């Protein structure tokens, strides 16, 4: 029998658990009196692994200390016992610190890369980081620029992340929060996910969260703008209109484009956006937003009833981005997503 180890996914050497195994002629090998020690070693390791995976380091620490006493010559068990004891002490200090979320995150990062029980512990610590951050600052709190929902997502708690990010978006409709909320919605299979991505892209397509978006097609939109639509001028800025024109993203129905363009909802009080952008990025993003506004006008029922408004809107689109306008005309307005 081979017992899975809690030590980074490695395996322990095979050990006899019955009276016949391992015995050699002349009484060599394992003596019958030692069998209980082997059984205890296997059981203690299994239970310690479960305790570590659950984040119960005090219990794991006690079990491993007992193992060290039973097997004083086992250097690996002693090393892991010392490691768990040190982690348990750090957790105690983190809970008592003035910034527990940051302290917990530091401990979690110290486990990377991790496998086996320590990988499960890593996720537990990320959940505790999210809990501590929310308790201190609310669902829209920030730790290293990320809200609690980010850490729940990283821990694999998608439903908890989604619930938290919905609240965060109500407090501050920033690009970062919307990207993360869209990621959670994507993982949950919600049809509204791409509308959230659209709004995030209109607010700030230069946010680092785009590069790790869970929707692969959305993540690729800057490349679509550059290589398929041949937009060389800050192609990331054109991600939202590129997504709409290619049919990936919906029309911006229900999105207040004036508010998005002002950046006023990105921080409480509406004074500034969350991150600085270069003058070139700002100029390109302004043009892209104007293109989306004109596209929305050209696609509206009101404009189509008069005809003249559609012509004016399409003229504006052509001036803003000729190649993108050509793709829009080739695809046809009927192919765009209105819902």
C-alpha atoms as a PDB file:
ATOM      1  CA  UNK A   1       0.000   0.000   0.000  1.00  0.00           C
ATOM      2  CA  UNK A   2       1.226   3.496  -0.765  1.00  0.00           C
ATOM      3  CA  UNK A   3       0.030   6.386   1.350  1.00  0.00           C
ATOM      4  CA  UNK A   4      -0.319   9.739  -0.394  1.00  0.00           C
ATOM      5  CA  UNK A   5       1.813  12.321   1.337  1.00  0.00           C
ATOM      6  CA  UNK A   6       0.714  15.748   2.430  1.00  0.00           C
ATOM      7  CA  UNK A   7       4.168  16.936   1.403  1.00  0.00           C
ATOM      8  CA  UNK A   8       3.697  18.675  -1.954  1.00  0.00           C
ATOM      9  CA  UNK A   9       2.017  15.697  -3.586  1.00  0.00           C
ATOM     10  CA  UNK A  10       4.933  13.283  -3.205  1.00  0.00           C
ATOM     11  CA  UNK A  11       4.346   9.718  -2.028  1.00  0.00           C
ATOM     12  CA  UNK A  12       5.579   8.008   1.071  1.00  0.00           C
ATOM     13  CA  UNK A  13       7.520   4.770   0.771  1.00  0.00           C
ATOM     14  CA  UNK A  14       5.471   1.572   0.850  1.00  0.00           C
ATOM     15  CA  UNK A  15       4.987   0.292   4.367  1.00  0.00           C
ATOM     16  CA  UNK A  16       3.600  -3.028   5.674  1.00  0.00           C
ATOM     17  CA  UNK A  17       0.185  -2.919   7.289  1.00  0.00           C
ATOM     18  CA  UNK A  18      -0.317  -6.660   7.794  1.00  0.00           C
ATOM     19  CA  UNK A  19       1.547  -9.375   9.725  1.00  0.00           C
ATOM     20  CA  UNK A  20       3.190 -11.033   6.699  1.00  0.00           C
ATOM     21  CA  UNK A  21       4.530  -8.161   4.690  1.00  0.00           C
ATOM     22  CA  UNK A  22       8.151  -7.065   5.066  1.00  0.00           C
ATOM     23  CA  UNK A  23       9.318  -9.985   7.147  1.00  0.00           C
ATOM     24  CA  UNK A  24      12.655 -11.575   6.240  1.00  0.00           C
ATOM     25  CA  UNK A  25      14.041 -14.972   7.258  1.00  0.00           C
ATOM     26  CA  UNK A  26      15.739 -14.961  10.623  1.00  0.00           C
ATOM     27  CA  UNK A  27      13.527 -12.237  12.005  1.00  0.00           C
ATOM     28  CA  UNK A  28      14.817  -9.445   9.718  1.00  0.00           C
ATOM     29  CA  UNK A  29      12.612  -6.675   8.311  1.00  0.00           C
ATOM     30  CA  UNK A  30       9.623  -5.430  10.267  1.00  0.00           C
ATOM     31  CA  UNK A  31       8.910  -6.957  13.657  1.00  0.00           C
ATOM     32  CA  UNK A  32       5.316  -7.648  14.625  1.00  0.00           C
ATOM     33  CA  UNK A  33       5.631  -5.178  17.492  1.00  0.00           C
ATOM     34  CA  UNK A  34       6.377  -2.375  15.053  1.00  0.00           C
ATOM     35  CA  UNK A  35       3.206  -2.789  13.029  1.00  0.00           C
ATOM     36  CA  UNK A  36       1.185  -0.397  15.208  1.00  0.00           C
ATOM     37  CA  UNK A  37       3.814   2.303  14.657  1.00  0.00           C
ATOM     38  CA  UNK A  38       3.505   1.959  10.900  1.00  0.00           C
ATOM     39  CA  UNK A  39      -0.274   2.068  11.104  1.00  0.00           C
ATOM     40  CA  UNK A  40      -0.136   5.124  13.356  1.00  0.00           C
ATOM     41  CA  UNK A  41       2.298   6.851  11.001  1.00  0.00           C
ATOM     42  CA  UNK A  42      -0.032   6.342   8.037  1.00  0.00           C
ATOM     43  CA  UNK A  43      -3.131   7.390   9.963  1.00  0.00           C
ATOM     44  CA  UNK A  44      -1.482  10.458  11.498  1.00  0.00           C
ATOM     45  CA  UNK A  45      -0.178  11.600   8.123  1.00  0.00           C
ATOM     46  CA  UNK A  46      -3.604  11.222   6.565  1.00  0.00           C
ATOM     47  CA  UNK A  47      -5.323  13.109   9.369  1.00  0.00           C
ATOM     48  CA  UNK A  48      -2.643  15.816   9.415  1.00  0.00           C
ATOM     49  CA  UNK A  49      -3.089  16.280   5.675  1.00  0.00           C
ATOM     50  CA  UNK A  50      -6.832  16.701   6.132  1.00  0.00           C
ATOM     51  CA  UNK A  51      -6.288  19.257   8.888  1.00  0.00           C
ATOM     52  CA  UNK A  52      -3.836  21.249   6.784  1.00  0.00           C
ATOM     53  CA  UNK A  53      -6.192  21.199   3.793  1.00  0.00           C
ATOM     54  CA  UNK A  54      -8.971  22.576   6.015  1.00  0.00           C
ATOM     55  CA  UNK A  55      -6.728  25.298   7.449  1.00  0.00           C
ATOM     56  CA  UNK A  56      -6.770  23.744  10.924  1.00  0.00           C
ATOM     57  CA  UNK A  57      -3.068  24.193  11.495  1.00  0.00           C
ATOM     58  CA  UNK A  58      -3.222  23.918  15.266  1.00  0.00           C
ATOM     59  CA  UNK A  59      -4.621  20.406  14.957  1.00  0.00           C
ATOM     60  CA  UNK A  60      -2.157  19.480  12.204  1.00  0.00           C
ATOM     61  CA  UNK A  61       0.672  20.843  14.311  1.00  0.00           C
ATOM     62  CA  UNK A  62      -0.325  18.605  17.235  1.00  0.00           C
ATOM     63  CA  UNK A  63      -0.576  15.504  15.029  1.00  0.00           C
ATOM     64  CA  UNK A  64       2.792  16.083  13.406  1.00  0.00           C
ATOM     65  CA  UNK A  65       4.423  16.677  16.788  1.00  0.00           C
ATOM     66  CA  UNK A  66       3.122  13.268  17.855  1.00  0.00           C
ATOM     67  CA  UNK A  67       4.561  11.753  14.689  1.00  0.00           C
ATOM     68  CA  UNK A  68       7.955  13.284  15.399  1.00  0.00           C
ATOM     69  CA  UNK A  69       7.869  11.678  18.829  1.00  0.00           C
ATOM     70  CA  UNK A  70       6.989   8.307  17.290  1.00  0.00           C
ATOM     71  CA  UNK A  71       9.547   8.592  14.467  1.00  0.00           C
ATOM     72  CA  UNK A  72      12.389  10.809  15.748  1.00  0.00           C
ATOM     73  CA  UNK A  73      14.737   9.724  12.955  1.00  0.00           C
ATOM     74  CA  UNK A  74      12.339  10.712  10.122  1.00  0.00           C
ATOM     75  CA  UNK A  75      13.861  13.969   8.892  1.00  0.00           C
ATOM     76  CA  UNK A  76      11.046  14.703   6.417  1.00  0.00           C
ATOM     77  CA  UNK A  77       8.313  14.466   9.034  1.00  0.00           C
ATOM     78  CA  UNK A  78      10.357  16.677  11.371  1.00  0.00           C
ATOM     79  CA  UNK A  79      10.826  19.257   8.613  1.00  0.00           C
ATOM     80  CA  UNK A  80       7.134  19.366   7.812  1.00  0.00           C
ATOM     81  CA  UNK A  81       6.242  19.500  11.494  1.00  0.00           C
ATOM     82  CA  UNK A  82       8.452  22.545  11.890  1.00  0.00           C
ATOM     83  CA  UNK A  83       6.953  24.096   8.755  1.00  0.00           C
ATOM     84  CA  UNK A  84       3.377  23.672   9.960  1.00  0.00           C
ATOM     85  CA  UNK A  85       4.299  24.998  13.407  1.00  0.00           C
ATOM     86  CA  UNK A  86       5.830  28.100  11.839  1.00  0.00           C
ATOM     87  CA  UNK A  87       2.765  28.607   9.631  1.00  0.00           C
ATOM     88  CA  UNK A  88       0.463  28.263  12.620  1.00  0.00           C
ATOM     89  CA  UNK A  89       2.432  30.898  14.509  1.00  0.00           C
ATOM     90  CA  UNK A  90       2.272  33.250  11.522  1.00  0.00           C
ATOM     91  CA  UNK A  91      -1.490  32.766  11.298  1.00  0.00           C
ATOM     92  CA  UNK A  92      -1.881  33.633  14.962  1.00  0.00           C
ATOM     93  CA  UNK A  93       0.100  36.830  14.417  1.00  0.00           C
ATOM     94  CA  UNK A  94      -1.914  37.631  11.271  1.00  0.00           C
ATOM     95  CA  UNK A  95      -5.208  37.340  13.119  1.00  0.00           C
ATOM     96  CA  UNK A  96      -3.942  39.719  15.791  1.00  0.00           C
ATOM     97  CA  UNK A  97      -2.397  42.253  13.395  1.00  0.00           C
ATOM     98  CA  UNK A  98      -3.793  45.646  12.432  1.00  0.00           C
ATOM     99  CA  UNK A  99      -4.002  44.524   8.780  1.00  0.00           C
ATOM    100  CA  UNK A 100      -5.048  40.861   8.876  1.00  0.00           C
ATOM    101  CA  UNK A 101      -6.021  40.699   5.192  1.00  0.00           C
ATOM    102  CA  UNK A 102      -2.567  41.758   4.030  1.00  0.00           C
ATOM    103  CA  UNK A 103      -0.891  39.424   6.519  1.00  0.00           C
ATOM    104  CA  UNK A 104      -3.010  36.469   5.401  1.00  0.00           C
ATOM    105  CA  UNK A 105      -2.295  37.215   1.760  1.00  0.00           C
ATOM    106  CA  UNK A 106       1.439  37.244   2.466  1.00  0.00           C
ATOM    107  CA  UNK A 107       1.185  33.806   4.065  1.00  0.00           C
ATOM    108  CA  UNK A 108      -0.846  32.471   1.141  1.00  0.00           C
ATOM    109  CA  UNK A 109       1.742  33.726  -1.332  1.00  0.00           C
ATOM    110  CA  UNK A 110       4.477  32.075   0.678  1.00  0.00           C
ATOM    111  CA  UNK A 111       2.885  28.720  -0.159  1.00  0.00           C
ATOM    112  CA  UNK A 112       3.134  29.222  -3.934  1.00  0.00           C
ATOM    113  CA  UNK A 113       3.578  27.018  -5.822  1.00  0.00           C
ATOM    114  CA  UNK A 114       1.718  24.431  -3.781  1.00  0.00           C
ATOM    115  CA  UNK A 115       0.161  21.028  -4.288  1.00  0.00           C
ATOM    116  CA  UNK A 116      -1.643  18.463  -2.190  1.00  0.00           C
ATOM    117  CA  UNK A 117      -2.854  19.652   1.197  1.00  0.00           C
ATOM    118  CA  UNK A 118      -0.871  22.886   0.966  1.00  0.00           C
ATOM    119  CA  UNK A 119      -2.691  23.802  -2.260  1.00  0.00           C
ATOM    120  CA  UNK A 120      -5.969  23.431  -0.381  1.00  0.00           C
ATOM    121  CA  UNK A 121      -4.522  25.520   2.457  1.00  0.00           C
ATOM    122  CA  UNK A 122      -3.573  28.184  -0.073  1.00  0.00           C
ATOM    123  CA  UNK A 123      -7.216  28.437  -1.159  1.00  0.00           C
ATOM    124  CA  UNK A 124      -8.384  28.554   2.457  1.00  0.00           C
ATOM    125  CA  UNK A 125      -6.034  31.464   3.136  1.00  0.00           C
ATOM    126  CA  UNK A 126      -7.298  33.345   0.080  1.00  0.00           C
ATOM    127  CA  UNK A 127     -10.855  32.931   1.373  1.00  0.00           C
ATOM    128  CA  UNK A 128      -9.774  34.239   4.776  1.00  0.00           C
ATOM    129  CA  UNK A 129      -8.058  37.158   3.048  1.00  0.00           C
ATOM    130  CA  UNK A 130     -11.335  38.008   1.304  1.00  0.00           C
ATOM    131  CA  UNK A 131     -13.282  37.671   4.553  1.00  0.00           C
ATOM    132  CA  UNK A 132     -10.854  39.925   6.426  1.00  0.00           C
ATOM    133  CA  UNK A 133     -10.846  42.545   3.674  1.00  0.00           C
ATOM    134  CA  UNK A 134     -14.640  42.633   3.505  1.00  0.00           C
ATOM    135  CA  UNK A 135     -14.911  42.860   7.272  1.00  0.00           C
ATOM    136  CA  UNK A 136     -12.477  45.790   7.354  1.00  0.00           C
ATOM    137  CA  UNK A 137     -13.540  47.745   4.270  1.00  0.00           C
ATOM    138  CA  UNK A 138     -16.689  46.206   2.811  1.00  0.00           C
ATOM    139  CA  UNK A 139     -17.210  44.440  -0.510  1.00  0.00           C
ATOM    140  CA  UNK A 140     -15.642  47.353  -2.378  1.00  0.00           C
ATOM    141  CA  UNK A 141     -12.523  47.426  -0.202  1.00  0.00           C
ATOM    142  CA  UNK A 142      -9.152  47.153  -1.876  1.00  0.00           C
ATOM    143  CA  UNK A 143      -6.045  45.120  -1.150  1.00  0.00           C
ATOM    144  CA  UNK A 144      -3.292  45.646  -3.704  1.00  0.00           C
ATOM    145  CA  UNK A 145      -5.918  47.152  -5.997  1.00  0.00           C
ATOM    146  CA  UNK A 146      -8.238  44.152  -5.785  1.00  0.00           C
ATOM    147  CA  UNK A 147     -11.651  43.846  -4.066  1.00  0.00           C
ATOM    148  CA  UNK A 148     -12.595  40.860  -1.884  1.00  0.00           C
ATOM    149  CA  UNK A 149     -14.301  39.189  -4.850  1.00  0.00           C
ATOM    150  CA  UNK A 150     -10.943  38.822  -6.600  1.00  0.00           C
ATOM    151  CA  UNK A 151      -9.599  36.671  -3.773  1.00  0.00           C
ATOM    152  CA  UNK A 152     -12.735  34.524  -3.679  1.00  0.00           C
ATOM    153  CA  UNK A 153     -12.382  33.981  -7.403  1.00  0.00           C
ATOM    154  CA  UNK A 154      -8.747  32.992  -6.953  1.00  0.00           C
ATOM    155  CA  UNK A 155      -9.817  30.556  -4.222  1.00  0.00           C
ATOM    156  CA  UNK A 156     -12.397  28.971  -6.527  1.00  0.00           C
ATOM    157  CA  UNK A 157     -15.451  30.273  -4.612  1.00  0.00           C
ATOM    158  CA  UNK A 158     -17.209  31.646  -7.684  1.00  0.00           C
ATOM    159  CA  UNK A 159     -20.680  32.059  -6.183  1.00  0.00           C
ATOM    160  CA  UNK A 160     -19.302  33.964  -3.164  1.00  0.00           C
ATOM    161  CA  UNK A 161     -17.163  36.094  -5.478  1.00  0.00           C
ATOM    162  CA  UNK A 162     -20.144  36.915  -7.679  1.00  0.00           C
ATOM    163  CA  UNK A 163     -22.321  37.950  -4.741  1.00  0.00           C
ATOM    164  CA  UNK A 164     -19.573  40.170  -3.340  1.00  0.00           C
ATOM    165  CA  UNK A 165     -18.750  41.752  -6.701  1.00  0.00           C
ATOM    166  CA  UNK A 166     -22.405  42.587  -7.365  1.00  0.00           C
ATOM    167  CA  UNK A 167     -22.376  44.627  -4.155  1.00  0.00           C
ATOM    168  CA  UNK A 168     -19.004  46.164  -5.052  1.00  0.00           C
ATOM    169  CA  UNK A 169     -20.280  47.214  -8.491  1.00  0.00           C
ATOM    170  CA  UNK A 170     -23.208  48.965  -6.867  1.00  0.00           C
ATOM    171  CA  UNK A 171     -20.794  51.003  -4.769  1.00  0.00           C
ATOM    172  CA  UNK A 172     -18.221  51.670  -7.487  1.00  0.00           C
ATOM    173  CA  UNK A 173     -18.786  50.712 -11.098  1.00  0.00           C
ATOM    174  CA  UNK A 174     -15.108  50.568 -11.973  1.00  0.00           C
ATOM    175  CA  UNK A 175     -13.541  48.660 -14.833  1.00  0.00           C
ATOM    176  CA  UNK A 176     -11.692  46.363 -12.433  1.00  0.00           C
ATOM    177  CA  UNK A 177     -14.850  45.400 -10.548  1.00  0.00           C
ATOM    178  CA  UNK A 178     -16.788  44.890 -13.777  1.00  0.00           C
ATOM    179  CA  UNK A 179     -14.082  42.703 -15.317  1.00  0.00           C
ATOM    180  CA  UNK A 180     -14.064  40.521 -12.197  1.00  0.00           C
ATOM    181  CA  UNK A 181     -17.855  40.402 -12.037  1.00  0.00           C
ATOM    182  CA  UNK A 182     -17.899  39.364 -15.701  1.00  0.00           C
ATOM    183  CA  UNK A 183     -15.344  36.651 -14.925  1.00  0.00           C
ATOM    184  CA  UNK A 184     -17.558  35.306 -12.140  1.00  0.00           C
ATOM    185  CA  UNK A 185     -20.636  35.482 -14.374  1.00  0.00           C
ATOM    186  CA  UNK A 186     -18.733  33.634 -17.120  1.00  0.00           C
ATOM    187  CA  UNK A 187     -17.804  30.837 -14.728  1.00  0.00           C
ATOM    188  CA  UNK A 188     -21.439  30.606 -13.627  1.00  0.00           C
ATOM    189  CA  UNK A 189     -22.646  30.511 -17.229  1.00  0.00           C
ATOM    190  CA  UNK A 190     -24.657  33.728 -16.949  1.00  0.00           C
ATOM    191  CA  UNK A 191     -25.679  35.314 -20.266  1.00  0.00           C
ATOM    192  CA  UNK A 192     -25.097  38.826 -18.876  1.00  0.00           C
ATOM    193  CA  UNK A 193     -21.342  38.232 -18.650  1.00  0.00           C
ATOM    194  CA  UNK A 194     -20.449  39.786 -21.994  1.00  0.00           C
ATOM    195  CA  UNK A 195     -22.532  42.882 -21.328  1.00  0.00           C
ATOM    196  CA  UNK A 196     -20.442  43.350 -18.197  1.00  0.00           C
ATOM    197  CA  UNK A 197     -17.255  42.873 -20.215  1.00  0.00           C
ATOM    198  CA  UNK A 198     -18.523  45.492 -22.679  1.00  0.00           C
ATOM    199  CA  UNK A 199     -19.050  48.063 -19.958  1.00  0.00           C
ATOM    200  CA  UNK A 200     -15.658  47.284 -18.426  1.00  0.00           C
ATOM    201  CA  UNK A 201     -13.980  47.738 -21.819  1.00  0.00           C
ATOM    202  CA  UNK A 202     -15.739  51.055 -22.358  1.00  0.00           C
ATOM    203  CA  UNK A 203     -14.549  52.252 -18.972  1.00  0.00           C
ATOM    204  CA  UNK A 204     -10.939  51.112 -19.204  1.00  0.00           C
ATOM    205  CA  UNK A 205      -9.716  48.588 -21.797  1.00  0.00           C
ATOM    206  CA  UNK A 206      -6.173  49.148 -20.495  1.00  0.00           C
ATOM    207  CA  UNK A 207      -6.974  47.646 -17.104  1.00  0.00           C
ATOM    208  CA  UNK A 208      -4.714  44.688 -16.375  1.00  0.00           C
ATOM    209  CA  UNK A 209      -7.764  42.506 -15.670  1.00  0.00           C
ATOM    210  CA  UNK A 210      -8.450  42.210 -19.414  1.00  0.00           C
ATOM    211  CA  UNK A 211      -5.300  40.129 -19.900  1.00  0.00           C
ATOM    212  CA  UNK A 212      -6.656  37.471 -17.519  1.00  0.00           C
ATOM    213  CA  UNK A 213     -10.344  37.610 -18.495  1.00  0.00           C
ATOM    214  CA  UNK A 214     -11.952  34.187 -18.223  1.00  0.00           C
ATOM    215  CA  UNK A 215     -13.730  34.619 -21.552  1.00  0.00           C
ATOM    216  CA  UNK A 216     -10.977  33.786 -24.027  1.00  0.00           C
ATOM    217  CA  UNK A 217     -12.696  35.554 -26.923  1.00  0.00           C
ATOM    218  CA  UNK A 218     -12.994  38.781 -24.906  1.00  0.00           C
ATOM    219  CA  UNK A 219      -9.369  38.468 -23.839  1.00  0.00           C
ATOM    220  CA  UNK A 220      -8.359  38.344 -27.513  1.00  0.00           C
ATOM    221  CA  UNK A 221     -10.207  41.525 -28.576  1.00  0.00           C
ATOM    222  CA  UNK A 222      -7.097  43.780 -28.644  1.00  0.00           C
ATOM    223  CA  UNK A 223      -5.543  41.317 -31.108  1.00  0.00           C
ATOM    224  CA  UNK A 224      -8.755  41.263 -33.145  1.00  0.00           C
ATOM    225  CA  UNK A 225      -8.623  45.053 -33.348  1.00  0.00           C
ATOM    226  CA  UNK A 226      -4.973  45.037 -34.385  1.00  0.00           C
ATOM    227  CA  UNK A 227      -4.692  42.067 -36.717  1.00  0.00           C
ATOM    228  CA  UNK A 228      -8.198  41.500 -38.093  1.00  0.00           C
ATOM    229  CA  UNK A 229      -9.473  45.064 -38.208  1.00  0.00           C
ATOM    230  CA  UNK A 230      -5.998  46.558 -38.779  1.00  0.00           C
ATOM    231  CA  UNK A 231      -6.248  49.245 -36.117  1.00  0.00           C
ATOM    232  CA  UNK A 232      -2.678  50.196 -35.267  1.00  0.00           C
ATOM    233  CA  UNK A 233      -3.442  53.202 -33.074  1.00  0.00           C
ATOM    234  CA  UNK A 234      -3.799  51.839 -29.496  1.00  0.00           C
ATOM    235  CA  UNK A 235      -5.791  48.751 -30.586  1.00  0.00           C
ATOM    236  CA  UNK A 236      -6.726  47.841 -27.005  1.00  0.00           C
ATOM    237  CA  UNK A 237      -8.728  51.074 -26.843  1.00  0.00           C
ATOM    238  CA  UNK A 238     -10.905  49.741 -29.655  1.00  0.00           C
ATOM    239  CA  UNK A 239     -11.717  46.438 -27.953  1.00  0.00           C
ATOM    240  CA  UNK A 240     -15.330  47.365 -27.172  1.00  0.00           C
ATOM    241  CA  UNK A 241     -16.348  48.526 -30.682  1.00  0.00           C
ATOM    242  CA  UNK A 242     -14.366  45.661 -32.233  1.00  0.00           C
ATOM    243  CA  UNK A 243     -16.323  43.230 -30.067  1.00  0.00           C
ATOM    244  CA  UNK A 244     -19.646  44.762 -31.063  1.00  0.00           C
ATOM    245  CA  UNK A 245     -18.880  44.915 -34.780  1.00  0.00           C
ATOM    246  CA  UNK A 246     -17.667  41.312 -34.890  1.00  0.00           C
ATOM    247  CA  UNK A 247     -20.790  40.163 -33.035  1.00  0.00           C
ATOM    248  CA  UNK A 248     -19.000  39.015 -29.905  1.00  0.00           C
ATOM    249  CA  UNK A 249     -20.343  41.751 -27.629  1.00  0.00           C
ATOM    250  CA  UNK A 250     -23.892  43.133 -27.474  1.00  0.00           C
ATOM    251  CA  UNK A 251     -24.966  46.620 -28.394  1.00  0.00           C
ATOM    252  CA  UNK A 252     -24.606  49.000 -25.415  1.00  0.00           C
ATOM    253  CA  UNK A 253     -28.306  48.951 -24.558  1.00  0.00           C
ATOM    254  CA  UNK A 254     -28.814  50.054 -20.968  1.00  0.00           C
ATOM    255  CA  UNK A 255     -25.260  51.387 -20.556  1.00  0.00           C
ATOM    256  CA  UNK A 256     -25.057  55.124 -19.809  1.00  0.00           C
ATOM    257  CA  UNK A 257     -22.381  56.086 -22.331  1.00  0.00           C
ATOM    258  CA  UNK A 258     -22.122  59.655 -21.053  1.00  0.00           C
ATOM    259  CA  UNK A 259     -21.349  58.403 -17.565  1.00  0.00           C
ATOM    260  CA  UNK A 260     -18.869  55.839 -18.872  1.00  0.00           C
ATOM    261  CA  UNK A 261     -17.084  58.462 -20.952  1.00  0.00           C
ATOM    262  CA  UNK A 262     -16.813  60.880 -18.038  1.00  0.00           C
ATOM    263  CA  UNK A 263     -15.200  58.270 -15.810  1.00  0.00           C
ATOM    264  CA  UNK A 264     -17.301  59.706 -13.021  1.00  0.00           C
ATOM    265  CA  UNK A 265     -18.467  56.377 -11.611  1.00  0.00           C
ATOM    266  CA  UNK A 266     -15.008  54.878 -11.193  1.00  0.00           C
ATOM    267  CA  UNK A 267     -14.490  56.247  -7.703  1.00  0.00           C
ATOM    268  CA  UNK A 268     -16.892  57.443  -5.005  1.00  0.00           C
ATOM    269  CA  UNK A 269     -17.670  61.095  -5.620  1.00  0.00           C
ATOM    270  CA  UNK A 270     -16.825  60.852  -9.321  1.00  0.00           C
ATOM    271  CA  UNK A 271     -13.598  62.830  -9.148  1.00  0.00           C
ATOM    272  CA  UNK A 272     -11.187  60.656 -11.127  1.00  0.00           C
ATOM    273  CA  UNK A 273     -10.557  57.346 -12.807  1.00  0.00           C
ATOM    274  CA  UNK A 274      -8.746  54.556 -10.974  1.00  0.00           C
ATOM    275  CA  UNK A 275      -5.579  54.559 -13.034  1.00  0.00           C
ATOM    276  CA  UNK A 276      -3.687  57.010 -15.204  1.00  0.00           C
ATOM    277  CA  UNK A 277      -3.592  56.610 -18.974  1.00  0.00           C
ATOM    278  CA  UNK A 278      -1.291  58.181 -21.511  1.00  0.00           C
ATOM    279  CA  UNK A 279      -2.508  61.013 -23.711  1.00  0.00           C
ATOM    280  CA  UNK A 280      -2.444  58.657 -26.698  1.00  0.00           C
ATOM    281  CA  UNK A 281      -4.537  56.077 -24.861  1.00  0.00           C
ATOM    282  CA  UNK A 282      -7.031  58.714 -23.747  1.00  0.00           C
ATOM    283  CA  UNK A 283      -7.388  60.068 -27.265  1.00  0.00           C
ATOM    284  CA  UNK A 284      -7.879  56.630 -28.812  1.00  0.00           C
ATOM    285  CA  UNK A 285     -10.329  55.591 -26.095  1.00  0.00           C
ATOM    286  CA  UNK A 286     -12.336  58.776 -26.603  1.00  0.00           C
ATOM    287  CA  UNK A 287     -12.630  58.019 -30.307  1.00  0.00           C
ATOM    288  CA  UNK A 288     -13.605  54.419 -29.615  1.00  0.00           C
ATOM    289  CA  UNK A 289     -16.330  55.505 -27.185  1.00  0.00           C
ATOM    290  CA  UNK A 290     -17.640  57.995 -29.752  1.00  0.00           C
ATOM    291  CA  UNK A 291     -17.702  55.205 -32.324  1.00  0.00           C
ATOM    292  CA  UNK A 292     -19.785  53.044 -29.967  1.00  0.00           C
ATOM    293  CA  UNK A 293     -22.146  55.962 -29.288  1.00  0.00           C
ATOM    294  CA  UNK A 294     -22.617  56.536 -33.017  1.00  0.00           C
ATOM    295  CA  UNK A 295     -23.065  52.806 -33.592  1.00  0.00           C
ATOM    296  CA  UNK A 296     -25.745  52.694 -30.886  1.00  0.00           C
ATOM    297  CA  UNK A 297     -27.523  55.623 -32.518  1.00  0.00           C
ATOM    298  CA  UNK A 298     -27.359  54.042 -35.982  1.00  0.00           C
ATOM    299  CA  UNK A 299     -28.802  50.822 -34.572  1.00  0.00           C
ATOM    300  CA  UNK A 300     -31.661  52.417 -32.662  1.00  0.00           C
ATOM    301  CA  UNK A 301     -35.273  52.134 -33.772  1.00  0.00           C
ATOM    302  CA  UNK A 302     -35.729  55.899 -33.506  1.00  0.00           C
ATOM    303  CA  UNK A 303     -32.849  56.621 -35.875  1.00  0.00           C
ATOM    304  CA  UNK A 304     -33.964  54.027 -38.380  1.00  0.00           C
ATOM    305  CA  UNK A 305     -37.434  55.589 -38.517  1.00  0.00           C
ATOM    306  CA  UNK A 306     -36.035  58.923 -39.652  1.00  0.00           C
ATOM    307  CA  UNK A 307     -33.166  57.692 -41.801  1.00  0.00           C
ATOM    308  CA  UNK A 308     -31.252  60.957 -41.587  1.00  0.00           C
ATOM    309  CA  UNK A 309     -29.981  60.171 -38.084  1.00  0.00           C
ATOM    310  CA  UNK A 310     -28.626  56.837 -39.312  1.00  0.00           C
ATOM    311  CA  UNK A 311     -26.749  58.556 -42.124  1.00  0.00           C
ATOM    312  CA  UNK A 312     -25.211  61.070 -39.728  1.00  0.00           C
ATOM    313  CA  UNK A 313     -24.226  58.376 -37.257  1.00  0.00           C
ATOM    314  CA  UNK A 314     -22.621  56.240 -39.950  1.00  0.00           C
ATOM    315  CA  UNK A 315     -20.757  59.232 -41.301  1.00  0.00           C
ATOM    316  CA  UNK A 316     -19.326  59.818 -37.822  1.00  0.00           C
ATOM    317  CA  UNK A 317     -18.326  56.152 -37.533  1.00  0.00           C
ATOM    318  CA  UNK A 318     -16.516  56.261 -40.880  1.00  0.00           C
ATOM    319  CA  UNK A 319     -14.564  59.345 -39.854  1.00  0.00           C
ATOM    320  CA  UNK A 320     -13.589  57.857 -36.504  1.00  0.00           C
ATOM    321  CA  UNK A 321     -12.409  54.443 -37.778  1.00  0.00           C
ATOM    322  CA  UNK A 322     -12.698  53.729 -41.519  1.00  0.00           C
ATOM    323  CA  UNK A 323     -11.574  50.083 -41.272  1.00  0.00           C
ATOM    324  CA  UNK A 324     -13.924  49.349 -38.388  1.00  0.00           C
ATOM    325  CA  UNK A 325     -16.780  51.072 -40.196  1.00  0.00           C
ATOM    326  CA  UNK A 326     -16.126  48.948 -43.286  1.00  0.00           C
ATOM    327  CA  UNK A 327     -16.322  45.817 -41.138  1.00  0.00           C
ATOM    328  CA  UNK A 328     -19.561  47.093 -39.617  1.00  0.00           C
ATOM    329  CA  UNK A 329     -21.118  47.667 -43.026  1.00  0.00           C
ATOM    330  CA  UNK A 330     -19.902  44.301 -44.326  1.00  0.00           C
ATOM    331  CA  UNK A 331     -21.413  42.485 -41.362  1.00  0.00           C
ATOM    332  CA  UNK A 332     -24.688  44.363 -41.485  1.00  0.00           C
ATOM    333  CA  UNK A 333     -26.619  45.956 -38.635  1.00  0.00           C
ATOM    334  CA  UNK A 334     -29.011  43.006 -38.452  1.00  0.00           C
ATOM    335  CA  UNK A 335     -26.170  40.752 -37.333  1.00  0.00           C
ATOM    336  CA  UNK A 336     -25.336  42.851 -34.280  1.00  0.00           C
ATOM    337  CA  UNK A 337     -26.553  41.715 -30.893  1.00  0.00           C
ATOM    338  CA  UNK A 338     -29.297  43.938 -29.594  1.00  0.00           C
ATOM    339  CA  UNK A 339     -29.959  42.101 -26.338  1.00  0.00           C
END
